[in-house]
Amino acid sequence: MTTPGPADTAAELADALTRAMKRIRRRTMQRLEPYGLTPAQGRALRTLAHAPGCESAETMRLSELAERLHIAPRSATTVVDALEEAGLVARTPDPADRRAVRLVLTEDGHGALERISRVRHEVAQEYFGPVSPAEQDALLRALRHAEEAYEAGPTP
């Protein structure tokens, strides 16, 4: 029997991460369902909440939200349409560009953010609770390092 090489370990790690994300996502969806929210809507609300001036008309444009979420602008429009219909986000005219709109969190949107945050922490604790804090820190550092290297692109 041969010892697994780095490529095998990397593939196994990718499989383990995929399984973990599916389980975390499924549990998060179950917990957000009573609030009428999807994980995609939760991500959009969290992204808007971290935008400069999220409580004023100086928030981000729809195109910027799509870029930050790494989704197509049309997909961002669908997410924002649902959030607006639920009263969690409002569209306001962009004073610098009549063709564009800015997205503003409503009071209900801020309340939804609190519920989302609570659900995210509960689900994360359920999944990672059995893992020691030191192992959690090491995993987080490794994933951040991998993400930074991936974003930087291939090295020559």
C-alpha atoms as a PDB file:
ATOM      1  CA  MET A   1       0.000   0.000   0.000  1.00  0.00           C
ATOM      2  CA  THR A   2       1.374   3.399  -0.919  1.00  0.00           C
ATOM      3  CA  THR A   3       1.424   6.454   1.272  1.00  0.00           C
ATOM      4  CA  PRO A   4      -0.902   9.196   0.028  1.00  0.00           C
ATOM      5  CA  GLY A   5       0.975  12.032  -1.631  1.00  0.00           C
ATOM      6  CA  PRO A   6       0.307  15.780  -1.416  1.00  0.00           C
ATOM      7  CA  ALA A   7      -2.066  15.667  -4.390  1.00  0.00           C
ATOM      8  CA  ASP A   8      -4.113  12.920  -2.691  1.00  0.00           C
ATOM      9  CA  THR A   9      -4.223  14.883   0.563  1.00  0.00           C
ATOM     10  CA  ALA A  10      -5.275  18.062  -1.279  1.00  0.00           C
ATOM     11  CA  ALA A  11      -8.054  16.165  -3.072  1.00  0.00           C
ATOM     12  CA  GLU A  12      -9.224  14.600   0.189  1.00  0.00           C
ATOM     13  CA  LEU A  13      -9.197  18.025   1.832  1.00  0.00           C
ATOM     14  CA  ALA A  14     -11.264  19.449  -1.023  1.00  0.00           C
ATOM     15  CA  ASP A  15     -13.766  16.593  -0.621  1.00  0.00           C
ATOM     16  CA  ALA A  16     -13.954  17.149   3.148  1.00  0.00           C
ATOM     17  CA  LEU A  17     -14.525  20.882   2.662  1.00  0.00           C
ATOM     18  CA  THR A  18     -17.254  20.217   0.115  1.00  0.00           C
ATOM     19  CA  ARG A  19     -19.028  17.839   2.512  1.00  0.00           C
ATOM     20  CA  ALA A  20     -18.679  20.313   5.375  1.00  0.00           C
ATOM     21  CA  MET A  21     -20.056  23.197   3.330  1.00  0.00           C
ATOM     22  CA  LYS A  22     -23.001  21.132   2.107  1.00  0.00           C
ATOM     23  CA  ARG A  23     -23.880  20.148   5.670  1.00  0.00           C
ATOM     24  CA  ILE A  24     -23.450  23.671   7.012  1.00  0.00           C
ATOM     25  CA  ARG A  25     -25.439  25.141   4.119  1.00  0.00           C
ATOM     26  CA  ARG A  26     -28.250  22.598   4.512  1.00  0.00           C
ATOM     27  CA  ARG A  27     -28.528  23.259   8.249  1.00  0.00           C
ATOM     28  CA  THR A  28     -28.382  27.029   7.702  1.00  0.00           C
ATOM     29  CA  MET A  29     -31.157  26.792   5.091  1.00  0.00           C
ATOM     30  CA  GLN A  30     -33.301  24.802   7.523  1.00  0.00           C
ATOM     31  CA  ARG A  31     -32.771  27.374  10.269  1.00  0.00           C
ATOM     32  CA  LEU A  32     -33.391  30.391   8.021  1.00  0.00           C
ATOM     33  CA  GLU A  33     -36.503  28.932   6.391  1.00  0.00           C
ATOM     34  CA  PRO A  34     -38.887  30.079   9.175  1.00  0.00           C
ATOM     35  CA  TYR A  35     -37.667  33.639   8.538  1.00  0.00           C
ATOM     36  CA  GLY A  36     -38.272  33.368   4.800  1.00  0.00           C
ATOM     37  CA  LEU A  37     -34.581  33.829   4.003  1.00  0.00           C
ATOM     38  CA  THR A  38     -32.159  31.886   1.854  1.00  0.00           C
ATOM     39  CA  PRO A  39     -28.396  31.690   2.444  1.00  0.00           C
ATOM     40  CA  ALA A  40     -27.867  33.792  -0.713  1.00  0.00           C
ATOM     41  CA  GLN A  41     -30.117  36.512   0.681  1.00  0.00           C
ATOM     42  CA  GLY A  42     -28.278  36.310   3.990  1.00  0.00           C
ATOM     43  CA  ARG A  43     -24.930  36.756   2.240  1.00  0.00           C
ATOM     44  CA  ALA A  44     -26.285  39.769   0.366  1.00  0.00           C
ATOM     45  CA  LEU A  45     -27.586  41.370   3.570  1.00  0.00           C
ATOM     46  CA  ARG A  46     -24.269  40.769   5.356  1.00  0.00           C
ATOM     47  CA  THR A  47     -22.365  42.241   2.414  1.00  0.00           C
ATOM     48  CA  LEU A  48     -24.584  45.328   2.401  1.00  0.00           C
ATOM     49  CA  ALA A  49     -24.242  45.714   6.157  1.00  0.00           C
ATOM     50  CA  HIS A  50     -20.469  45.871   5.820  1.00  0.00           C
ATOM     51  CA  ALA A  51     -20.604  48.519   3.082  1.00  0.00           C
ATOM     52  CA  PRO A  52     -19.526  52.045   4.008  1.00  0.00           C
ATOM     53  CA  GLY A  53     -22.597  54.112   4.909  1.00  0.00           C
ATOM     54  CA  CYS A  54     -24.985  51.154   4.846  1.00  0.00           C
ATOM     55  CA  GLU A  55     -27.629  53.158   6.676  1.00  0.00           C
ATOM     56  CA  SER A  56     -27.597  56.089   4.267  1.00  0.00           C
ATOM     57  CA  ALA A  57     -28.063  56.602   0.548  1.00  0.00           C
ATOM     58  CA  GLU A  58     -24.297  56.230   0.174  1.00  0.00           C
ATOM     59  CA  THR A  59     -24.420  52.456  -0.004  1.00  0.00           C
ATOM     60  CA  MET A  60     -23.315  50.224  -2.821  1.00  0.00           C
ATOM     61  CA  ARG A  61     -24.674  49.835  -6.285  1.00  0.00           C
ATOM     62  CA  LEU A  62     -26.282  46.615  -7.405  1.00  0.00           C
ATOM     63  CA  SER A  63     -23.325  45.919  -9.709  1.00  0.00           C
ATOM     64  CA  GLU A  64     -20.904  46.279  -6.789  1.00  0.00           C
ATOM     65  CA  LEU A  65     -22.969  43.850  -4.714  1.00  0.00           C
ATOM     66  CA  ALA A  66     -22.803  41.316  -7.558  1.00  0.00           C
ATOM     67  CA  GLU A  67     -19.044  41.763  -7.762  1.00  0.00           C
ATOM     68  CA  ARG A  68     -18.540  41.314  -4.013  1.00  0.00           C
ATOM     69  CA  LEU A  69     -20.748  38.217  -3.991  1.00  0.00           C
ATOM     70  CA  HIS A  70     -18.959  36.814  -7.070  1.00  0.00           C
ATOM     71  CA  ILE A  71     -22.253  36.332  -8.903  1.00  0.00           C
ATOM     72  CA  ALA A  72     -23.677  37.584 -12.186  1.00  0.00           C
ATOM     73  CA  PRO A  73     -25.456  40.962 -12.038  1.00  0.00           C
ATOM     74  CA  ARG A  74     -28.706  39.267 -13.104  1.00  0.00           C
ATOM     75  CA  SER A  75     -28.444  36.882 -10.153  1.00  0.00           C
ATOM     76  CA  ALA A  76     -27.836  39.813  -7.806  1.00  0.00           C
ATOM     77  CA  THR A  77     -30.948  41.477  -9.202  1.00  0.00           C
ATOM     78  CA  THR A  78     -33.004  38.370  -8.395  1.00  0.00           C
ATOM     79  CA  VAL A  79     -31.661  38.272  -4.816  1.00  0.00           C
ATOM     80  CA  VAL A  80     -32.273  42.005  -4.292  1.00  0.00           C
ATOM     81  CA  ASP A  81     -35.778  41.754  -5.782  1.00  0.00           C
ATOM     82  CA  ALA A  82     -36.678  39.172  -3.117  1.00  0.00           C
ATOM     83  CA  LEU A  83     -35.060  41.250  -0.341  1.00  0.00           C
ATOM     84  CA  GLU A  84     -36.909  44.354  -1.488  1.00  0.00           C
ATOM     85  CA  GLU A  85     -40.215  42.477  -1.673  1.00  0.00           C
ATOM     86  CA  ALA A  86     -39.625  41.300   1.908  1.00  0.00           C
ATOM     87  CA  GLY A  87     -38.972  44.893   3.005  1.00  0.00           C
ATOM     88  CA  LEU A  88     -35.356  44.202   3.981  1.00  0.00           C
ATOM     89  CA  VAL A  89     -33.682  46.379   1.338  1.00  0.00           C
ATOM     90  CA  ALA A  90     -34.722  49.543  -0.458  1.00  0.00           C
ATOM     91  CA  ARG A  91     -33.485  50.802  -3.801  1.00  0.00           C
ATOM     92  CA  THR A  92     -32.672  54.495  -3.979  1.00  0.00           C
ATOM     93  CA  PRO A  93     -31.614  56.545  -7.003  1.00  0.00           C
ATOM     94  CA  ASP A  94     -27.891  57.077  -7.419  1.00  0.00           C
ATOM     95  CA  PRO A  95     -27.370  60.848  -7.534  1.00  0.00           C
ATOM     96  CA  ALA A  96     -24.200  60.378  -9.580  1.00  0.00           C
ATOM     97  CA  ASP A  97     -25.797  58.160 -12.256  1.00  0.00           C
ATOM     98  CA  ARG A  98     -29.507  58.228 -13.110  1.00  0.00           C
ATOM     99  CA  ARG A  99     -29.293  54.726 -14.611  1.00  0.00           C
ATOM    100  CA  ALA A 100     -27.984  53.189 -11.397  1.00  0.00           C
ATOM    101  CA  VAL A 101     -29.550  52.522  -8.016  1.00  0.00           C
ATOM    102  CA  ARG A 102     -28.054  52.210  -4.571  1.00  0.00           C
ATOM    103  CA  LEU A 103     -29.137  49.619  -2.049  1.00  0.00           C
ATOM    104  CA  VAL A 104     -30.079  50.591   1.492  1.00  0.00           C
ATOM    105  CA  LEU A 105     -30.812  48.254   4.390  1.00  0.00           C
ATOM    106  CA  THR A 106     -34.167  48.927   6.019  1.00  0.00           C
ATOM    107  CA  GLU A 107     -34.911  48.648   9.727  1.00  0.00           C
ATOM    108  CA  ASP A 108     -36.377  45.198   9.056  1.00  0.00           C
ATOM    109  CA  GLY A 109     -33.192  44.362   7.151  1.00  0.00           C
ATOM    110  CA  HIS A 110     -31.125  45.118  10.244  1.00  0.00           C
ATOM    111  CA  GLY A 111     -33.422  42.861  12.300  1.00  0.00           C
ATOM    112  CA  ALA A 112     -32.975  40.073   9.756  1.00  0.00           C
ATOM    113  CA  LEU A 113     -29.209  40.502  10.030  1.00  0.00           C
ATOM    114  CA  GLU A 114     -29.383  39.830  13.756  1.00  0.00           C
ATOM    115  CA  ARG A 115     -31.346  36.613  13.150  1.00  0.00           C
ATOM    116  CA  ILE A 116     -28.930  35.530  10.407  1.00  0.00           C
ATOM    117  CA  SER A 117     -25.953  36.181  12.653  1.00  0.00           C
ATOM    118  CA  ARG A 118     -27.493  34.110  15.426  1.00  0.00           C
ATOM    119  CA  VAL A 119     -28.225  31.216  13.035  1.00  0.00           C
ATOM    120  CA  ARG A 120     -24.704  31.336  11.531  1.00  0.00           C
ATOM    121  CA  HIS A 121     -23.116  31.183  14.976  1.00  0.00           C
ATOM    122  CA  GLU A 122     -25.395  28.349  16.137  1.00  0.00           C
ATOM    123  CA  VAL A 123     -24.750  26.243  13.034  1.00  0.00           C
ATOM    124  CA  ALA A 124     -21.000  26.892  13.140  1.00  0.00           C
ATOM    125  CA  GLN A 125     -20.859  25.954  16.807  1.00  0.00           C
ATOM    126  CA  GLU A 126     -22.814  22.743  16.181  1.00  0.00           C
ATOM    127  CA  TYR A 127     -20.459  21.716  13.398  1.00  0.00           C
ATOM    128  CA  PHE A 128     -17.113  22.904  14.767  1.00  0.00           C
ATOM    129  CA  GLY A 129     -17.854  22.639  18.490  1.00  0.00           C
ATOM    130  CA  PRO A 130     -16.229  19.197  18.819  1.00  0.00           C
ATOM    131  CA  VAL A 131     -13.017  20.605  17.281  1.00  0.00           C
ATOM    132  CA  SER A 132     -10.603  22.218  19.735  1.00  0.00           C
ATOM    133  CA  PRO A 133     -10.111  26.007  19.541  1.00  0.00           C
ATOM    134  CA  ALA A 134      -6.457  25.433  18.548  1.00  0.00           C
ATOM    135  CA  GLU A 135      -7.522  23.155  15.665  1.00  0.00           C
ATOM    136  CA  GLN A 136     -10.168  25.667  14.600  1.00  0.00           C
ATOM    137  CA  ASP A 137      -7.531  28.424  14.535  1.00  0.00           C
ATOM    138  CA  ALA A 138      -5.144  26.247  12.529  1.00  0.00           C
ATOM    139  CA  LEU A 139      -7.861  25.340  10.024  1.00  0.00           C
ATOM    140  CA  LEU A 140      -8.892  28.965   9.635  1.00  0.00           C
ATOM    141  CA  ARG A 141      -5.275  30.068   9.092  1.00  0.00           C
ATOM    142  CA  ALA A 142      -4.734  27.336   6.497  1.00  0.00           C
ATOM    143  CA  LEU A 143      -7.919  28.200   4.603  1.00  0.00           C
ATOM    144  CA  ARG A 144      -7.125  31.924   4.641  1.00  0.00           C
ATOM    145  CA  HIS A 145      -3.641  31.191   3.344  1.00  0.00           C
ATOM    146  CA  ALA A 146      -5.025  28.964   0.564  1.00  0.00           C
ATOM    147  CA  GLU A 147      -7.575  31.643  -0.394  1.00  0.00           C
ATOM    148  CA  GLU A 148      -4.935  34.380  -0.516  1.00  0.00           C
ATOM    149  CA  ALA A 149      -2.686  32.234  -2.679  1.00  0.00           C
ATOM    150  CA  TYR A 150      -5.586  31.327  -4.973  1.00  0.00           C
ATOM    151  CA  GLU A 151      -6.637  34.960  -5.350  1.00  0.00           C
ATOM    152  CA  ALA A 152      -3.038  35.976  -6.127  1.00  0.00           C
ATOM    153  CA  GLY A 153      -3.017  33.539  -9.043  1.00  0.00           C
ATOM    154  CA  PRO A 154      -0.439  31.025 -10.143  1.00  0.00           C
ATOM    155  CA  THR A 155       3.165  31.710  -9.307  1.00  0.00           C
ATOM    156  CA  PRO A 156       5.584  31.615 -12.264  1.00  0.00           C
END
